[in-house]
Full PDB file with SEQRES, HELIX, SHEET, SSBOND, CRYST1, ORIGX, SCALE, CONECT and MASTER records, all heavy atoms in Angstrom:
SEQRES   1 A   32  ALA ARG ASP ALA VAL SER ILE LEU ASP CYS TRP LYS LEU          
SEQRES   2 A   32  TYR PHE THR ASN SER ASP VAL ASP ASN ILE VAL LYS CYS          
SEQRES   3 A   32  THR ASN ILE TYR LEU ASP                                      
HELIX    1 AA1 ILE A    7  LYS A   12  1                                   6    
HELIX    2 AA2 ASN A   17  LEU A   31  1                                  15    
CRYST1    1.000    1.000    1.000  90.00  90.00  90.00 P 1           1          
ORIGX1      1.000000  0.000000  0.000000        0.00000                         
ORIGX2      0.000000  1.000000  0.000000        0.00000                         
ORIGX3      0.000000  0.000000  1.000000        0.00000                         
SCALE1      1.000000  0.000000  0.000000        0.00000                         
SCALE2      0.000000  1.000000  0.000000        0.00000                         
SCALE3      0.000000  0.000000  1.000000        0.00000                         
ATOM      1  N   ALA A   1     -11.693  16.855   3.599  1.00  0.00           N  
ATOM      2  CA  ALA A   1     -10.299  16.305   4.061  1.00  0.00           C  
ATOM      3  C   ALA A   1     -10.580  15.086   4.869  1.00  0.00           C  
ATOM      4  O   ALA A   1      -9.576  14.460   5.324  1.00  0.00           O  
ATOM      5  CB  ALA A   1      -9.647  17.326   5.004  1.00  0.00           C  
ATOM      6  N   ARG A   2     -11.745  14.549   5.018  1.00  0.00           N  
ATOM      7  CA  ARG A   2     -11.969  13.380   5.801  1.00  0.00           C  
ATOM      8  C   ARG A   2     -11.501  12.084   5.125  1.00  0.00           C  
ATOM      9  O   ARG A   2     -11.236  10.989   5.915  1.00  0.00           O  
ATOM     10  CB  ARG A   2     -13.446  13.175   6.111  1.00  0.00           C  
ATOM     11  CG  ARG A   2     -13.956  14.283   7.167  1.00  0.00           C  
ATOM     12  CD  ARG A   2     -15.429  14.221   7.403  1.00  0.00           C  
ATOM     13  NE  ARG A   2     -15.877  15.320   8.202  1.00  0.00           N  
ATOM     14  CZ  ARG A   2     -17.169  15.560   8.384  1.00  0.00           C  
ATOM     15  NH1 ARG A   2     -18.079  14.812   7.823  1.00  0.00           N  
ATOM     16  NH2 ARG A   2     -17.554  16.623   9.156  1.00  0.00           N  
ATOM     17  N   ASP A   3     -11.196  12.020   3.962  1.00  0.00           N  
ATOM     18  CA  ASP A   3     -10.839  10.857   3.251  1.00  0.00           C  
ATOM     19  C   ASP A   3      -9.352  10.756   3.126  1.00  0.00           C  
ATOM     20  O   ASP A   3      -8.775   9.693   2.669  1.00  0.00           O  
ATOM     21  CB  ASP A   3     -11.409  10.733   1.738  1.00  0.00           C  
ATOM     22  CG  ASP A   3     -12.876  10.656   1.620  1.00  0.00           C  
ATOM     23  OD1 ASP A   3     -13.491  10.158   2.667  1.00  0.00           O  
ATOM     24  OD2 ASP A   3     -13.435  11.263   0.568  1.00  0.00           O  
ATOM     25  N   ALA A   4      -8.579  11.675   3.669  1.00  0.00           N  
ATOM     26  CA  ALA A   4      -7.210  11.667   3.647  1.00  0.00           C  
ATOM     27  C   ALA A   4      -6.757  10.788   4.816  1.00  0.00           C  
ATOM     28  O   ALA A   4      -6.818  11.254   6.046  1.00  0.00           O  
ATOM     29  CB  ALA A   4      -6.573  13.024   3.572  1.00  0.00           C  
ATOM     30  N   VAL A   5      -6.199   9.611   4.666  1.00  0.00           N  
ATOM     31  CA  VAL A   5      -5.842   8.725   5.769  1.00  0.00           C  
ATOM     32  C   VAL A   5      -4.263   8.448   5.798  1.00  0.00           C  
ATOM     33  O   VAL A   5      -3.813   7.817   6.746  1.00  0.00           O  
ATOM     34  CB  VAL A   5      -6.619   7.378   5.736  1.00  0.00           C  
ATOM     35  CG1 VAL A   5      -8.066   7.606   6.095  1.00  0.00           C  
ATOM     36  CG2 VAL A   5      -6.477   6.648   4.460  1.00  0.00           C  
ATOM     37  N   SER A   6      -3.668   8.754   4.654  1.00  0.00           N  
ATOM     38  CA  SER A   6      -2.171   8.557   4.619  1.00  0.00           C  
ATOM     39  C   SER A   6      -1.291   9.850   4.828  1.00  0.00           C  
ATOM     40  O   SER A   6      -2.001  10.903   4.748  1.00  0.00           O  
ATOM     41  CB  SER A   6      -1.730   7.934   3.226  1.00  0.00           C  
ATOM     42  OG  SER A   6      -1.828   8.917   2.270  1.00  0.00           O  
ATOM     43  N   ILE A   7      -0.088   9.695   5.266  1.00  0.00           N  
ATOM     44  CA  ILE A   7       0.615  11.013   5.559  1.00  0.00           C  
ATOM     45  C   ILE A   7       0.805  11.822   4.297  1.00  0.00           C  
ATOM     46  O   ILE A   7       0.635  12.986   4.318  1.00  0.00           O  
ATOM     47  CB  ILE A   7       1.851  10.641   6.103  1.00  0.00           C  
ATOM     48  CG1 ILE A   7       1.747   9.972   7.562  1.00  0.00           C  
ATOM     49  CG2 ILE A   7       2.878  11.841   6.267  1.00  0.00           C  
ATOM     50  CD1 ILE A   7       3.049   9.449   8.151  1.00  0.00           C  
ATOM     51  N   LEU A   8       0.961  11.179   3.280  1.00  0.00           N  
ATOM     52  CA  LEU A   8       1.257  12.041   2.012  1.00  0.00           C  
ATOM     53  C   LEU A   8      -0.187  12.665   1.514  1.00  0.00           C  
ATOM     54  O   LEU A   8      -0.156  13.826   1.031  1.00  0.00           O  
ATOM     55  CB  LEU A   8       1.740  11.023   0.859  1.00  0.00           C  
ATOM     56  CG  LEU A   8       2.091  11.717  -0.443  1.00  0.00           C  
ATOM     57  CD1 LEU A   8       3.114  12.844  -0.196  1.00  0.00           C  
ATOM     58  CD2 LEU A   8       2.540  10.718  -1.522  1.00  0.00           C  
ATOM     59  N   ASP A   9      -1.208  11.914   1.676  1.00  0.00           N  
ATOM     60  CA  ASP A   9      -2.568  12.530   1.299  1.00  0.00           C  
ATOM     61  C   ASP A   9      -2.898  13.696   2.147  1.00  0.00           C  
ATOM     62  O   ASP A   9      -3.471  14.770   1.600  1.00  0.00           O  
ATOM     63  CB  ASP A   9      -3.654  11.360   1.329  1.00  0.00           C  
ATOM     64  CG  ASP A   9      -3.537  10.399   0.254  1.00  0.00           C  
ATOM     65  OD1 ASP A   9      -2.772  10.621  -0.731  1.00  0.00           O  
ATOM     66  OD2 ASP A   9      -4.089   9.348   0.466  1.00  0.00           O  
ATOM     67  N   CYS A  10      -2.603  13.626   3.354  1.00  0.00           N  
ATOM     68  CA  CYS A  10      -2.872  14.824   4.323  1.00  0.00           C  
ATOM     69  C   CYS A  10      -1.947  15.961   3.964  1.00  0.00           C  
ATOM     70  O   CYS A  10      -2.440  17.073   3.974  1.00  0.00           O  
ATOM     71  CB  CYS A  10      -2.565  14.438   5.739  1.00  0.00           C  
ATOM     72  SG  CYS A  10      -3.710  13.096   6.427  1.00  0.00           S  
ATOM     73  N   TRP A  11      -0.798  15.725   3.488  1.00  0.00           N  
ATOM     74  CA  TRP A  11       0.077  16.820   3.015  1.00  0.00           C  
ATOM     75  C   TRP A  11      -0.413  17.436   1.825  1.00  0.00           C  
ATOM     76  O   TRP A  11      -0.250  18.641   1.661  1.00  0.00           O  
ATOM     77  CB  TRP A  11       1.629  16.391   3.048  1.00  0.00           C  
ATOM     78  CG  TRP A  11       2.553  17.474   2.670  1.00  0.00           C  
ATOM     79  CD1 TRP A  11       3.153  18.285   3.515  1.00  0.00           C  
ATOM     80  CD2 TRP A  11       3.084  17.663   1.402  1.00  0.00           C  
ATOM     81  NE1 TRP A  11       4.096  19.123   2.862  1.00  0.00           N  
ATOM     82  CE2 TRP A  11       3.982  18.735   1.447  1.00  0.00           C  
ATOM     83  CE3 TRP A  11       2.799  17.169   0.127  1.00  0.00           C  
ATOM     84  CZ2 TRP A  11       4.662  19.342   0.404  1.00  0.00           C  
ATOM     85  CZ3 TRP A  11       3.498  17.803  -1.075  1.00  0.00           C  
ATOM     86  CH2 TRP A  11       4.328  18.810  -0.840  1.00  0.00           C  
ATOM     87  N   LYS A  12      -0.835  16.611   0.836  1.00  0.00           N  
ATOM     88  CA  LYS A  12      -1.290  17.154  -0.342  1.00  0.00           C  
ATOM     89  C   LYS A  12      -2.544  17.926  -0.229  1.00  0.00           C  
ATOM     90  O   LYS A  12      -2.973  18.641  -1.273  1.00  0.00           O  
ATOM     91  CB  LYS A  12      -1.404  15.958  -1.313  1.00  0.00           C  
ATOM     92  CG  LYS A  12      -0.098  15.495  -1.843  1.00  0.00           C  
ATOM     93  CD  LYS A  12      -0.363  14.418  -2.978  1.00  0.00           C  
ATOM     94  CE  LYS A  12       0.976  13.898  -3.602  1.00  0.00           C  
ATOM     95  NZ  LYS A  12       0.751  12.942  -4.690  1.00  0.00           N  
ATOM     96  N   LEU A  13      -3.175  17.928   0.824  1.00  0.00           N  
ATOM     97  CA  LEU A  13      -4.294  18.810   0.972  1.00  0.00           C  
ATOM     98  C   LEU A  13      -3.848  20.307   0.926  1.00  0.00           C  
ATOM     99  O   LEU A  13      -4.641  21.113   0.747  1.00  0.00           O  
ATOM    100  CB  LEU A  13      -5.031  18.558   2.379  1.00  0.00           C  
ATOM    101  CG  LEU A  13      -5.743  17.109   2.416  1.00  0.00           C  
ATOM    102  CD1 LEU A  13      -6.276  16.991   3.940  1.00  0.00           C  
ATOM    103  CD2 LEU A  13      -6.942  17.058   1.502  1.00  0.00           C  
ATOM    104  N   TYR A  14      -2.562  20.513   1.233  1.00  0.00           N  
ATOM    105  CA  TYR A  14      -2.136  21.917   1.379  1.00  0.00           C  
ATOM    106  C   TYR A  14      -1.234  22.299   0.160  1.00  0.00           C  
ATOM    107  O   TYR A  14      -1.192  23.458  -0.277  1.00  0.00           O  
ATOM    108  CB  TYR A  14      -1.357  22.165   2.651  1.00  0.00           C  
ATOM    109  CG  TYR A  14      -2.276  21.929   3.836  1.00  0.00           C  
ATOM    110  CD1 TYR A  14      -2.329  20.551   4.419  1.00  0.00           C  
ATOM    111  CD2 TYR A  14      -3.114  22.780   4.359  1.00  0.00           C  
ATOM    112  CE1 TYR A  14      -3.112  20.288   5.499  1.00  0.00           C  
ATOM    113  CE2 TYR A  14      -3.950  22.517   5.471  1.00  0.00           C  
ATOM    114  CZ  TYR A  14      -3.913  21.340   6.071  1.00  0.00           C  
ATOM    115  OH  TYR A  14      -4.854  21.001   7.054  1.00  0.00           O  
ATOM    116  N   PHE A  15      -0.512  21.343  -0.435  1.00  0.00           N  
ATOM    117  CA  PHE A  15       0.127  21.555  -1.689  1.00  0.00           C  
ATOM    118  C   PHE A  15      -0.445  20.555  -2.596  1.00  0.00           C  
ATOM    119  O   PHE A  15       0.140  19.378  -2.745  1.00  0.00           O  
ATOM    120  CB  PHE A  15       1.734  21.385  -1.490  1.00  0.00           C  
ATOM    121  CG  PHE A  15       2.339  22.477  -0.712  1.00  0.00           C  
ATOM    122  CD1 PHE A  15       2.779  22.199   0.704  1.00  0.00           C  
ATOM    123  CD2 PHE A  15       2.569  23.704  -1.299  1.00  0.00           C  
ATOM    124  CE1 PHE A  15       3.378  23.254   1.294  1.00  0.00           C  
ATOM    125  CE2 PHE A  15       3.263  24.631  -0.565  1.00  0.00           C  
ATOM    126  CZ  PHE A  15       3.660  24.501   0.817  1.00  0.00           C  
ATOM    127  N   THR A  16      -1.472  20.995  -3.376  1.00  0.00           N  
ATOM    128  CA  THR A  16      -2.053  20.111  -4.235  1.00  0.00           C  
ATOM    129  C   THR A  16      -1.241  19.883  -5.420  1.00  0.00           C  
ATOM    130  O   THR A  16      -0.255  20.558  -5.723  1.00  0.00           O  
ATOM    131  CB  THR A  16      -3.473  20.765  -4.584  1.00  0.00           C  
ATOM    132  OG1 THR A  16      -3.234  21.992  -5.254  1.00  0.00           O  
ATOM    133  CG2 THR A  16      -4.307  20.834  -3.319  1.00  0.00           C  
ATOM    134  N   ASN A  17      -1.727  18.944  -6.389  1.00  0.00           N  
ATOM    135  CA  ASN A  17      -0.958  18.620  -7.590  1.00  0.00           C  
ATOM    136  C   ASN A  17      -0.998  19.873  -8.484  1.00  0.00           C  
ATOM    137  O   ASN A  17      -0.033  20.153  -9.138  1.00  0.00           O  
ATOM    138  CB  ASN A  17      -1.688  17.437  -8.218  1.00  0.00           C  
ATOM    139  CG  ASN A  17      -1.417  16.181  -7.521  1.00  0.00           C  
ATOM    140  OD1 ASN A  17      -0.414  16.070  -6.800  1.00  0.00           O  
ATOM    141  ND2 ASN A  17      -2.350  15.219  -7.730  1.00  0.00           N  
ATOM    142  N   SER A  18      -2.096  20.680  -8.559  1.00  0.00           N  
ATOM    143  CA  SER A  18      -2.099  21.821  -9.396  1.00  0.00           C  
ATOM    144  C   SER A  18      -1.042  22.886  -8.855  1.00  0.00           C  
ATOM    145  O   SER A  18      -0.460  23.651  -9.596  1.00  0.00           O  
ATOM    146  CB  SER A  18      -3.537  22.426  -9.330  1.00  0.00           C  
ATOM    147  OG  SER A  18      -3.990  22.851  -8.108  1.00  0.00           O  
ATOM    148  N   ASP A  19      -0.959  22.982  -7.408  1.00  0.00           N  
ATOM    149  CA  ASP A  19       0.109  23.980  -6.916  1.00  0.00           C  
ATOM    150  C   ASP A  19       1.511  23.491  -7.221  1.00  0.00           C  
ATOM    151  O   ASP A  19       2.256  24.283  -7.630  1.00  0.00           O  
ATOM    152  CB  ASP A  19      -0.084  24.070  -5.411  1.00  0.00           C  
ATOM    153  CG  ASP A  19      -1.386  24.589  -5.008  1.00  0.00           C  
ATOM    154  OD1 ASP A  19      -1.921  25.582  -5.693  1.00  0.00           O  
ATOM    155  OD2 ASP A  19      -1.901  24.270  -3.931  1.00  0.00           O  
ATOM    156  N   VAL A  20       1.768  22.194  -7.227  1.00  0.00           N  
ATOM    157  CA  VAL A  20       3.026  21.641  -7.512  1.00  0.00           C  
ATOM    158  C   VAL A  20       3.286  21.894  -8.982  1.00  0.00           C  
ATOM    159  O   VAL A  20       4.392  22.179  -9.398  1.00  0.00           O  
ATOM    160  CB  VAL A  20       3.296  20.283  -6.984  1.00  0.00           C  
ATOM    161  CG1 VAL A  20       4.643  19.624  -7.508  1.00  0.00           C  
ATOM    162  CG2 VAL A  20       3.041  20.149  -5.547  1.00  0.00           C  
ATOM    163  N   ASP A  21       2.332  21.605  -9.823  1.00  0.00           N  
ATOM    164  CA  ASP A  21       2.483  21.834 -11.350  1.00  0.00           C  
ATOM    165  C   ASP A  21       2.754  23.165 -11.603  1.00  0.00           C  
ATOM    166  O   ASP A  21       3.611  23.429 -12.528  1.00  0.00           O  
ATOM    167  CB  ASP A  21       1.199  21.305 -11.982  1.00  0.00           C  
ATOM    168  CG  ASP A  21       0.991  19.856 -11.951  1.00  0.00           C  
ATOM    169  OD1 ASP A  21       1.987  19.166 -11.746  1.00  0.00           O  
ATOM    170  OD2 ASP A  21      -0.219  19.464 -12.108  1.00  0.00           O  
ATOM    171  N   ASN A  22       2.190  24.109 -10.890  1.00  0.00           N  
ATOM    172  CA  ASN A  22       2.464  25.618 -11.166  1.00  0.00           C  
ATOM    173  C   ASN A  22       3.921  25.949 -10.773  1.00  0.00           C  
ATOM    174  O   ASN A  22       4.614  26.628 -11.510  1.00  0.00           O  
ATOM    175  CB  ASN A  22       1.532  26.491 -10.475  1.00  0.00           C  
ATOM    176  CG  ASN A  22       1.718  27.944 -10.682  1.00  0.00           C  
ATOM    177  OD1 ASN A  22       1.599  28.435 -11.781  1.00  0.00           O  
ATOM    178  ND2 ASN A  22       2.088  28.699  -9.707  1.00  0.00           N  
ATOM    179  N   ILE A  23       4.403  25.276  -9.702  1.00  0.00           N  
ATOM    180  CA  ILE A  23       5.837  25.520  -9.309  1.00  0.00           C  
ATOM    181  C   ILE A  23       6.729  24.919 -10.374  1.00  0.00           C  
ATOM    182  O   ILE A  23       7.748  25.529 -10.717  1.00  0.00           O  
ATOM    183  CB  ILE A  23       6.042  24.967  -7.846  1.00  0.00           C  
ATOM    184  CG1 ILE A  23       5.189  25.606  -6.803  1.00  0.00           C  
ATOM    185  CG2 ILE A  23       7.568  24.857  -7.624  1.00  0.00           C  
ATOM    186  CD1 ILE A  23       5.339  25.047  -5.452  1.00  0.00           C  
ATOM    187  N   VAL A  24       6.443  23.820 -10.823  1.00  0.00           N  
ATOM    188  CA  VAL A  24       7.269  23.148 -11.883  1.00  0.00           C  
ATOM    189  C   VAL A  24       7.299  24.011 -13.093  1.00  0.00           C  
ATOM    190  O   VAL A  24       8.348  24.214 -13.729  1.00  0.00           O  
ATOM    191  CB  VAL A  24       6.666  21.739 -12.182  1.00  0.00           C  
ATOM    192  CG1 VAL A  24       7.385  21.100 -13.398  1.00  0.00           C  
ATOM    193  CG2 VAL A  24       6.888  20.751 -11.009  1.00  0.00           C  
ATOM    194  N   LYS A  25       6.125  24.491 -13.556  1.00  0.00           N  
ATOM    195  CA  LYS A  25       6.148  25.356 -14.756  1.00  0.00           C  
ATOM    196  C   LYS A  25       6.933  26.546 -14.536  1.00  0.00           C  
ATOM    197  O   LYS A  25       7.761  27.043 -15.351  1.00  0.00           O  
ATOM    198  CB  LYS A  25       4.642  25.766 -14.957  1.00  0.00           C  
ATOM    199  CG  LYS A  25       4.486  26.681 -16.234  1.00  0.00           C  
ATOM    200  CD  LYS A  25       3.087  27.122 -16.355  1.00  0.00           C  
ATOM    201  CE  LYS A  25       2.787  28.140 -17.398  1.00  0.00           C  
ATOM    202  NZ  LYS A  25       1.482  28.590 -17.498  1.00  0.00           N  
ATOM    203  N   CYS A  26       6.859  27.258 -13.494  1.00  0.00           N  
ATOM    204  CA  CYS A  26       7.594  28.568 -13.256  1.00  0.00           C  
ATOM    205  C   CYS A  26       9.045  28.203 -13.136  1.00  0.00           C  
ATOM    206  O   CYS A  26       9.930  29.054 -13.451  1.00  0.00           O  
ATOM    207  CB  CYS A  26       7.102  29.250 -12.021  1.00  0.00           C  
ATOM    208  SG  CYS A  26       5.268  29.758 -12.153  1.00  0.00           S  
ATOM    209  N   THR A  27       9.345  27.098 -12.422  1.00  0.00           N  
ATOM    210  CA  THR A  27      10.822  26.765 -12.315  1.00  0.00           C  
ATOM    211  C   THR A  27      11.478  26.412 -13.504  1.00  0.00           C  
ATOM    212  O   THR A  27      12.667  26.750 -13.828  1.00  0.00           O  
ATOM    213  CB  THR A  27      10.919  25.597 -11.311  1.00  0.00           C  
ATOM    214  OG1 THR A  27      10.366  25.833 -10.012  1.00  0.00           O  
ATOM    215  CG2 THR A  27      12.458  25.104 -11.146  1.00  0.00           C  
ATOM    216  N   ASN A  28      10.775  25.704 -14.456  1.00  0.00           N  
ATOM    217  CA  ASN A  28      11.352  25.400 -15.750  1.00  0.00           C  
ATOM    218  C   ASN A  28      11.517  26.759 -16.607  1.00  0.00           C  
ATOM    219  O   ASN A  28      12.479  26.764 -17.492  1.00  0.00           O  
ATOM    220  CB  ASN A  28      10.405  24.521 -16.527  1.00  0.00           C  
ATOM    221  CG  ASN A  28      10.452  23.063 -16.018  1.00  0.00           C  
ATOM    222  OD1 ASN A  28      11.476  22.634 -15.511  1.00  0.00           O  
ATOM    223  ND2 ASN A  28       9.307  22.333 -16.105  1.00  0.00           N  
ATOM    224  N   ILE A  29      10.708  27.685 -16.414  1.00  0.00           N  
ATOM    225  CA  ILE A  29      11.013  29.001 -17.148  1.00  0.00           C  
ATOM    226  C   ILE A  29      12.230  29.594 -16.773  1.00  0.00           C  
ATOM    227  O   ILE A  29      13.020  30.125 -17.546  1.00  0.00           O  
ATOM    228  CB  ILE A  29       9.709  29.942 -16.947  1.00  0.00           C  
ATOM    229  CG1 ILE A  29       8.424  29.402 -17.517  1.00  0.00           C  
ATOM    230  CG2 ILE A  29      10.027  31.274 -17.433  1.00  0.00           C  
ATOM    231  CD1 ILE A  29       7.180  30.200 -17.207  1.00  0.00           C  
ATOM    232  N   TYR A  30      12.547  29.524 -15.457  1.00  0.00           N  
ATOM    233  CA  TYR A  30      13.756  30.012 -15.006  1.00  0.00           C  
ATOM    234  C   TYR A  30      14.983  29.179 -15.267  1.00  0.00           C  
ATOM    235  O   TYR A  30      16.064  29.681 -15.531  1.00  0.00           O  
ATOM    236  CB  TYR A  30      13.660  30.291 -13.415  1.00  0.00           C  
ATOM    237  CG  TYR A  30      14.842  31.176 -13.014  1.00  0.00           C  
ATOM    238  CD1 TYR A  30      14.774  32.610 -13.107  1.00  0.00           C  
ATOM    239  CD2 TYR A  30      16.014  30.728 -12.369  1.00  0.00           C  
ATOM    240  CE1 TYR A  30      15.824  33.485 -12.665  1.00  0.00           C  
ATOM    241  CE2 TYR A  30      17.008  31.422 -11.945  1.00  0.00           C  
ATOM    242  CZ  TYR A  30      16.877  32.981 -12.105  1.00  0.00           C  
ATOM    243  OH  TYR A  30      17.915  33.703 -11.636  1.00  0.00           O  
ATOM    244  N   LEU A  31      14.765  27.906 -15.318  1.00  0.00           N  
ATOM    245  CA  LEU A  31      15.823  27.004 -15.801  1.00  0.00           C  
ATOM    246  C   LEU A  31      16.275  27.190 -17.142  1.00  0.00           C  
ATOM    247  O   LEU A  31      17.323  27.195 -17.563  1.00  0.00           O  
ATOM    248  CB  LEU A  31      15.469  25.554 -15.588  1.00  0.00           C  
ATOM    249  CG  LEU A  31      15.471  25.024 -14.078  1.00  0.00           C  
ATOM    250  CD1 LEU A  31      14.770  23.526 -14.111  1.00  0.00           C  
ATOM    251  CD2 LEU A  31      16.942  24.842 -13.599  1.00  0.00           C  
ATOM    252  N   ASP A  32      15.318  27.540 -17.981  1.00  0.00           N  
ATOM    253  CA  ASP A  32      15.582  27.871 -19.378  1.00  0.00           C  
ATOM    254  C   ASP A  32      16.350  29.173 -19.568  1.00  0.00           C  
ATOM    255  O   ASP A  32      17.236  29.209 -20.361  1.00  0.00           O  
ATOM    256  CB  ASP A  32      14.250  27.993 -20.226  1.00  0.00           C  
ATOM    257  CG  ASP A  32      14.419  28.154 -21.665  1.00  0.00           C  
ATOM    258  OD1 ASP A  32      15.043  27.334 -22.326  1.00  0.00           O  
ATOM    259  OD2 ASP A  32      13.997  29.223 -22.214  1.00  0.00           O  
TER     260      ASP A  32                                                      
MASTER        0    0    0    2    0    0    0    6  259    1    0    3          
END                                                                             
């Protein structure tokens, strides 16, 4: 985590792109 110097990069350490992608996938299933 030492390379995270922006506010958004620090936040993405806890909600990574893979976590958000999984939320998007499960949300689209329910939207359908």
